[in-house]
Amino acid sequence: MDQANPFETPRTFALHRAEYLVAFAVCTALIVLHLDEIRWLPAIGLFLYIDLIGYIPGAIAFRRSGGQPIAKAYYVLYNVMHSMITQGVVVALWCALIGPEWALLAIPWHLSGDRGLFGNFMKSFALPYEPVRQKGYLRLLDDLRLAHPKPVGHTPDPAPVGHVPAARPRQAQPGEHPVSPAAR
């Protein structure tokens, strides 16, 4: 939302994802325009290695944990492998050692797809490895009088705490004292 409150409302999150959707669309257009120039075996490898190293081990550990915390190393692997900085270094090294080629589009296509299509950004040590709505976030949305986003399907979400559906504040009727939203 801002530098002092670095979390996003559902609308700013959607706008953040939209920026990556544009990058995903540009990568997709370049892939289609250069289909016959792409070496597909390296492209598939470049696309897959990010998740083979950075996501799948943590996802397996999370599912096996039964909801218990997993090692922070899985978060670090995810964040390092899904970093634009790390992947920029990979692309630079590839260009220096092998040469530039269209197969490298697999990397920004993967990262922009993860963020734009699926909403997957860096993982915080303070949260479960897979997305689970947090009661504190639901309370924040309530305080901001914003609707709760639809739950994700990975694990059971917590029961909403004090959920007040987003709506216009009720107008006081004649002769009635206004009541604050918190008092309702």
C-alpha atoms as a PDB file:
ATOM      1  CA  MET A   1       0.000   0.000   0.000  1.00  0.00           C
ATOM      2  CA  ASP A   2       2.907   2.324   0.809  1.00  0.00           C
ATOM      3  CA  GLN A   3       6.440   2.248   2.237  1.00  0.00           C
ATOM      4  CA  ALA A   4       5.197   2.291   5.838  1.00  0.00           C
ATOM      5  CA  ASN A   5       2.551  -0.407   5.217  1.00  0.00           C
ATOM      6  CA  PRO A   6       3.955  -2.816   2.642  1.00  0.00           C
ATOM      7  CA  PHE A   7       0.965  -5.044   2.116  1.00  0.00           C
ATOM      8  CA  GLU A   8      -1.550  -4.918  -0.654  1.00  0.00           C
ATOM      9  CA  THR A   9      -5.281  -4.623  -0.837  1.00  0.00           C
ATOM     10  CA  PRO A  10      -7.032  -6.945  -3.292  1.00  0.00           C
ATOM     11  CA  ARG A  11      -7.200  -4.113  -5.862  1.00  0.00           C
ATOM     12  CA  THR A  12      -3.508  -3.147  -5.655  1.00  0.00           C
ATOM     13  CA  PHE A  13      -2.602  -6.843  -5.774  1.00  0.00           C
ATOM     14  CA  ALA A  14      -4.633  -7.188  -8.987  1.00  0.00           C
ATOM     15  CA  LEU A  15      -2.887  -4.145 -10.462  1.00  0.00           C
ATOM     16  CA  HIS A  16       0.498  -5.565  -9.450  1.00  0.00           C
ATOM     17  CA  ARG A  17      -0.387  -8.832 -11.179  1.00  0.00           C
ATOM     18  CA  ALA A  18      -1.595  -6.930 -14.261  1.00  0.00           C
ATOM     19  CA  GLU A  19       1.891  -5.496 -14.777  1.00  0.00           C
ATOM     20  CA  TYR A  20       3.266  -9.029 -14.944  1.00  0.00           C
ATOM     21  CA  LEU A  21       0.448 -10.098 -17.259  1.00  0.00           C
ATOM     22  CA  VAL A  22       1.654  -7.462 -19.725  1.00  0.00           C
ATOM     23  CA  ALA A  23       5.195  -8.888 -19.504  1.00  0.00           C
ATOM     24  CA  PHE A  24       3.748 -12.386 -19.945  1.00  0.00           C
ATOM     25  CA  ALA A  25       1.840 -11.237 -23.055  1.00  0.00           C
ATOM     26  CA  VAL A  26       4.983  -9.644 -24.527  1.00  0.00           C
ATOM     27  CA  CYS A  27       6.992 -12.840 -23.904  1.00  0.00           C
ATOM     28  CA  THR A  28       4.192 -14.930 -25.418  1.00  0.00           C
ATOM     29  CA  ALA A  29       4.112 -12.713 -28.529  1.00  0.00           C
ATOM     30  CA  LEU A  30       7.891 -12.977 -28.920  1.00  0.00           C
ATOM     31  CA  ILE A  31       7.724 -16.764 -28.526  1.00  0.00           C
ATOM     32  CA  VAL A  32       5.014 -17.001 -31.198  1.00  0.00           C
ATOM     33  CA  LEU A  33       6.931 -14.666 -33.545  1.00  0.00           C
ATOM     34  CA  HIS A  34      10.111 -16.730 -33.177  1.00  0.00           C
ATOM     35  CA  LEU A  35       8.691 -20.268 -32.889  1.00  0.00           C
ATOM     36  CA  ASP A  36      10.960 -21.611 -35.611  1.00  0.00           C
ATOM     37  CA  GLU A  37      14.078 -20.002 -34.079  1.00  0.00           C
ATOM     38  CA  ILE A  38      13.663 -21.423 -30.554  1.00  0.00           C
ATOM     39  CA  ARG A  39      15.745 -24.411 -29.504  1.00  0.00           C
ATOM     40  CA  TRP A  40      12.988 -26.230 -27.645  1.00  0.00           C
ATOM     41  CA  LEU A  41      15.001 -28.619 -25.470  1.00  0.00           C
ATOM     42  CA  PRO A  42      16.939 -25.768 -23.777  1.00  0.00           C
ATOM     43  CA  ALA A  43      13.740 -23.677 -23.571  1.00  0.00           C
ATOM     44  CA  ILE A  44      11.860 -26.460 -21.777  1.00  0.00           C
ATOM     45  CA  GLY A  45      14.818 -27.042 -19.466  1.00  0.00           C
ATOM     46  CA  LEU A  46      15.091 -23.328 -18.661  1.00  0.00           C
ATOM     47  CA  PHE A  47      11.369 -23.184 -17.940  1.00  0.00           C
ATOM     48  CA  LEU A  48      11.290 -26.277 -15.714  1.00  0.00           C
ATOM     49  CA  TYR A  49      14.488 -25.952 -13.682  1.00  0.00           C
ATOM     50  CA  ILE A  50      13.127 -22.943 -11.782  1.00  0.00           C
ATOM     51  CA  ASP A  51      10.329 -25.024 -10.219  1.00  0.00           C
ATOM     52  CA  LEU A  52      12.286 -28.278 -10.029  1.00  0.00           C
ATOM     53  CA  ILE A  53      14.775 -26.580  -7.712  1.00  0.00           C
ATOM     54  CA  GLY A  54      12.756 -23.709  -6.287  1.00  0.00           C
ATOM     55  CA  TYR A  55       9.179 -24.885  -5.797  1.00  0.00           C
ATOM     56  CA  ILE A  56       8.621 -28.626  -5.911  1.00  0.00           C
ATOM     57  CA  PRO A  57      10.850 -29.586  -2.930  1.00  0.00           C
ATOM     58  CA  GLY A  58       9.053 -27.065  -0.687  1.00  0.00           C
ATOM     59  CA  ALA A  59       5.625 -28.068  -1.977  1.00  0.00           C
ATOM     60  CA  ILE A  60       6.350 -31.717  -1.160  1.00  0.00           C
ATOM     61  CA  ALA A  61       7.673 -30.795   2.296  1.00  0.00           C
ATOM     62  CA  PHE A  62       4.613 -28.608   2.955  1.00  0.00           C
ATOM     63  CA  ARG A  63       2.165 -31.356   1.997  1.00  0.00           C
ATOM     64  CA  ARG A  64       4.039 -33.903   4.091  1.00  0.00           C
ATOM     65  CA  SER A  65       4.181 -31.568   7.110  1.00  0.00           C
ATOM     66  CA  GLY A  66       0.435 -31.730   7.729  1.00  0.00           C
ATOM     67  CA  GLY A  67       0.268 -27.988   8.247  1.00  0.00           C
ATOM     68  CA  GLN A  68       3.318 -27.754  10.500  1.00  0.00           C
ATOM     69  CA  PRO A  69       6.120 -25.293   9.669  1.00  0.00           C
ATOM     70  CA  ILE A  70       8.739 -26.488   7.183  1.00  0.00           C
ATOM     71  CA  ALA A  71      12.438 -25.620   6.970  1.00  0.00           C
ATOM     72  CA  LYS A  72      13.179 -22.047   5.916  1.00  0.00           C
ATOM     73  CA  ALA A  73      15.635 -23.451   3.345  1.00  0.00           C
ATOM     74  CA  TYR A  74      12.619 -24.242   1.135  1.00  0.00           C
ATOM     75  CA  TYR A  75      11.551 -20.587   1.245  1.00  0.00           C
ATOM     76  CA  VAL A  76      15.083 -19.473   0.377  1.00  0.00           C
ATOM     77  CA  LEU A  77      15.227 -21.924  -2.550  1.00  0.00           C
ATOM     78  CA  TYR A  78      11.899 -20.627  -3.838  1.00  0.00           C
ATOM     79  CA  ASN A  79      12.839 -16.972  -3.493  1.00  0.00           C
ATOM     80  CA  VAL A  80      16.283 -17.388  -5.034  1.00  0.00           C
ATOM     81  CA  MET A  81      15.009 -19.406  -7.988  1.00  0.00           C
ATOM     82  CA  HIS A  82      12.042 -17.088  -8.596  1.00  0.00           C
ATOM     83  CA  SER A  83      14.103 -13.910  -8.353  1.00  0.00           C
ATOM     84  CA  MET A  84      14.410 -11.676 -11.406  1.00  0.00           C
ATOM     85  CA  ILE A  85      17.933 -10.917 -10.181  1.00  0.00           C
ATOM     86  CA  THR A  86      18.987 -14.582 -10.042  1.00  0.00           C
ATOM     87  CA  GLN A  87      17.405 -15.357 -13.388  1.00  0.00           C
ATOM     88  CA  GLY A  88      18.958 -12.221 -14.905  1.00  0.00           C
ATOM     89  CA  VAL A  89      22.362 -13.582 -13.864  1.00  0.00           C
ATOM     90  CA  VAL A  90      21.470 -16.955 -15.435  1.00  0.00           C
ATOM     91  CA  VAL A  91      20.486 -15.224 -18.690  1.00  0.00           C
ATOM     92  CA  ALA A  92      23.678 -13.105 -18.652  1.00  0.00           C
ATOM     93  CA  LEU A  93      25.871 -16.165 -18.048  1.00  0.00           C
ATOM     94  CA  TRP A  94      24.046 -18.105 -20.759  1.00  0.00           C
ATOM     95  CA  CYS A  95      24.576 -15.246 -23.207  1.00  0.00           C
ATOM     96  CA  ALA A  96      28.268 -14.996 -22.291  1.00  0.00           C
ATOM     97  CA  LEU A  97      28.970 -18.739 -22.398  1.00  0.00           C
ATOM     98  CA  ILE A  98      26.547 -20.048 -25.043  1.00  0.00           C
ATOM     99  CA  GLY A  99      25.263 -16.908 -26.728  1.00  0.00           C
ATOM    100  CA  PRO A 100      21.940 -15.089 -26.813  1.00  0.00           C
ATOM    101  CA  GLU A 101      19.019 -17.091 -28.102  1.00  0.00           C
ATOM    102  CA  TRP A 102      15.238 -17.095 -28.122  1.00  0.00           C
ATOM    103  CA  ALA A 103      15.077 -20.118 -25.786  1.00  0.00           C
ATOM    104  CA  LEU A 104      15.938 -17.720 -22.953  1.00  0.00           C
ATOM    105  CA  LEU A 105      12.412 -16.286 -23.229  1.00  0.00           C
ATOM    106  CA  ALA A 106      11.331 -19.299 -21.171  1.00  0.00           C
ATOM    107  CA  ILE A 107      12.727 -17.609 -18.052  1.00  0.00           C
ATOM    108  CA  PRO A 108      10.797 -14.304 -18.107  1.00  0.00           C
ATOM    109  CA  TRP A 109       7.778 -16.172 -19.469  1.00  0.00           C
ATOM    110  CA  HIS A 110       7.874 -18.478 -16.414  1.00  0.00           C
ATOM    111  CA  LEU A 111       8.387 -15.687 -13.855  1.00  0.00           C
ATOM    112  CA  SER A 112       5.837 -13.283 -15.351  1.00  0.00           C
ATOM    113  CA  GLY A 113       3.339 -16.145 -15.700  1.00  0.00           C
ATOM    114  CA  ASP A 114       3.799 -17.158 -12.061  1.00  0.00           C
ATOM    115  CA  ARG A 115       3.203 -13.603 -10.894  1.00  0.00           C
ATOM    116  CA  GLY A 116       0.635 -12.433 -13.429  1.00  0.00           C
ATOM    117  CA  LEU A 117      -1.463 -15.560 -13.948  1.00  0.00           C
ATOM    118  CA  PHE A 118      -1.156 -17.200 -10.538  1.00  0.00           C
ATOM    119  CA  GLY A 119      -0.284 -14.325  -8.169  1.00  0.00           C
ATOM    120  CA  ASN A 120       2.814 -16.114  -6.875  1.00  0.00           C
ATOM    121  CA  PHE A 121       5.355 -13.651  -5.501  1.00  0.00           C
ATOM    122  CA  MET A 122       8.205 -14.144  -3.027  1.00  0.00           C
ATOM    123  CA  LYS A 123       7.510 -16.315   0.024  1.00  0.00           C
ATOM    124  CA  SER A 124       7.665 -14.817   3.517  1.00  0.00           C
ATOM    125  CA  PHE A 125       9.142 -16.827   6.410  1.00  0.00           C
ATOM    126  CA  ALA A 126       6.231 -15.548   8.528  1.00  0.00           C
ATOM    127  CA  LEU A 127       3.588 -17.342   6.424  1.00  0.00           C
ATOM    128  CA  PRO A 128       2.900 -20.953   5.443  1.00  0.00           C
ATOM    129  CA  TYR A 129       4.745 -22.123   2.307  1.00  0.00           C
ATOM    130  CA  GLU A 130       1.497 -22.455   0.361  1.00  0.00           C
ATOM    131  CA  PRO A 131      -1.055 -19.615   0.427  1.00  0.00           C
ATOM    132  CA  VAL A 132      -3.388 -19.712   3.424  1.00  0.00           C
ATOM    133  CA  ARG A 133      -5.418 -16.628   4.276  1.00  0.00           C
ATOM    134  CA  GLN A 134      -4.377 -15.193   7.615  1.00  0.00           C
ATOM    135  CA  LYS A 135      -6.774 -13.911  10.249  1.00  0.00           C
ATOM    136  CA  GLY A 136      -4.734 -10.717  10.596  1.00  0.00           C
ATOM    137  CA  TYR A 137      -5.093  -9.993   6.886  1.00  0.00           C
ATOM    138  CA  LEU A 138      -8.838 -10.625   7.046  1.00  0.00           C
ATOM    139  CA  ARG A 139      -9.068  -8.201  10.002  1.00  0.00           C
ATOM    140  CA  LEU A 140      -7.105  -5.603   8.010  1.00  0.00           C
ATOM    141  CA  LEU A 141      -9.575  -5.909   5.153  1.00  0.00           C
ATOM    142  CA  ASP A 142     -12.416  -5.561   7.639  1.00  0.00           C
ATOM    143  CA  ASP A 143     -10.805  -2.421   9.099  1.00  0.00           C
ATOM    144  CA  LEU A 144     -10.474  -1.006   5.580  1.00  0.00           C
ATOM    145  CA  ARG A 145     -14.065  -2.068   4.837  1.00  0.00           C
ATOM    146  CA  LEU A 146     -12.929  -4.155   1.872  1.00  0.00           C
ATOM    147  CA  ALA A 147     -14.397  -7.442   0.699  1.00  0.00           C
ATOM    148  CA  HIS A 148     -12.425 -10.592   1.406  1.00  0.00           C
ATOM    149  CA  PRO A 149     -10.907 -12.160  -1.711  1.00  0.00           C
ATOM    150  CA  LYS A 150     -11.994 -15.661  -2.601  1.00  0.00           C
ATOM    151  CA  PRO A 151     -10.025 -18.325  -0.714  1.00  0.00           C
ATOM    152  CA  VAL A 152      -7.302 -20.316  -2.440  1.00  0.00           C
ATOM    153  CA  GLY A 153      -7.663 -24.057  -2.592  1.00  0.00           C
ATOM    154  CA  HIS A 154      -4.380 -25.305  -1.119  1.00  0.00           C
ATOM    155  CA  THR A 155      -5.398 -25.825   2.500  1.00  0.00           C
ATOM    156  CA  PRO A 156      -8.363 -24.958   4.668  1.00  0.00           C
ATOM    157  CA  ASP A 157      -8.522 -21.252   5.340  1.00  0.00           C
ATOM    158  CA  PRO A 158      -9.043 -19.958   8.862  1.00  0.00           C
ATOM    159  CA  ALA A 159     -12.563 -19.021   9.819  1.00  0.00           C
ATOM    160  CA  PRO A 160     -13.019 -15.332   9.046  1.00  0.00           C
ATOM    161  CA  VAL A 161     -12.599 -13.253  12.167  1.00  0.00           C
ATOM    162  CA  GLY A 162     -15.056 -10.409  12.540  1.00  0.00           C
ATOM    163  CA  HIS A 163     -15.758 -10.468   8.823  1.00  0.00           C
ATOM    164  CA  VAL A 164     -17.947  -7.596   7.788  1.00  0.00           C
ATOM    165  CA  PRO A 165     -18.822  -7.703   4.098  1.00  0.00           C
ATOM    166  CA  ALA A 166     -17.774  -4.548   2.285  1.00  0.00           C
ATOM    167  CA  ALA A 167     -20.779  -2.317   1.956  1.00  0.00           C
ATOM    168  CA  ARG A 168     -21.698   1.304   2.091  1.00  0.00           C
ATOM    169  CA  PRO A 169     -21.982   2.594   5.652  1.00  0.00           C
ATOM    170  CA  ARG A 170     -25.595   2.510   6.800  1.00  0.00           C
ATOM    171  CA  GLN A 171     -27.173   5.925   7.117  1.00  0.00           C
ATOM    172  CA  ALA A 172     -28.670   6.750  10.479  1.00  0.00           C
ATOM    173  CA  GLN A 173     -32.436   6.992  10.443  1.00  0.00           C
ATOM    174  CA  PRO A 174     -34.146  10.138  11.795  1.00  0.00           C
ATOM    175  CA  GLY A 175     -34.058  10.115  15.610  1.00  0.00           C
ATOM    176  CA  GLU A 176     -31.388   7.392  15.701  1.00  0.00           C
ATOM    177  CA  HIS A 177     -27.858   7.863  16.996  1.00  0.00           C
ATOM    178  CA  PRO A 178     -25.132   6.924  14.462  1.00  0.00           C
ATOM    179  CA  VAL A 179     -23.266   3.747  15.349  1.00  0.00           C
ATOM    180  CA  SER A 180     -19.643   3.253  14.359  1.00  0.00           C
ATOM    181  CA  PRO A 181     -18.853   0.188  12.198  1.00  0.00           C
ATOM    182  CA  ALA A 182     -16.704  -1.238  15.030  1.00  0.00           C
ATOM    183  CA  ALA A 183     -19.636  -1.111  17.464  1.00  0.00           C
ATOM    184  CA  ARG A 184     -21.962  -3.090  15.180  1.00  0.00           C
END
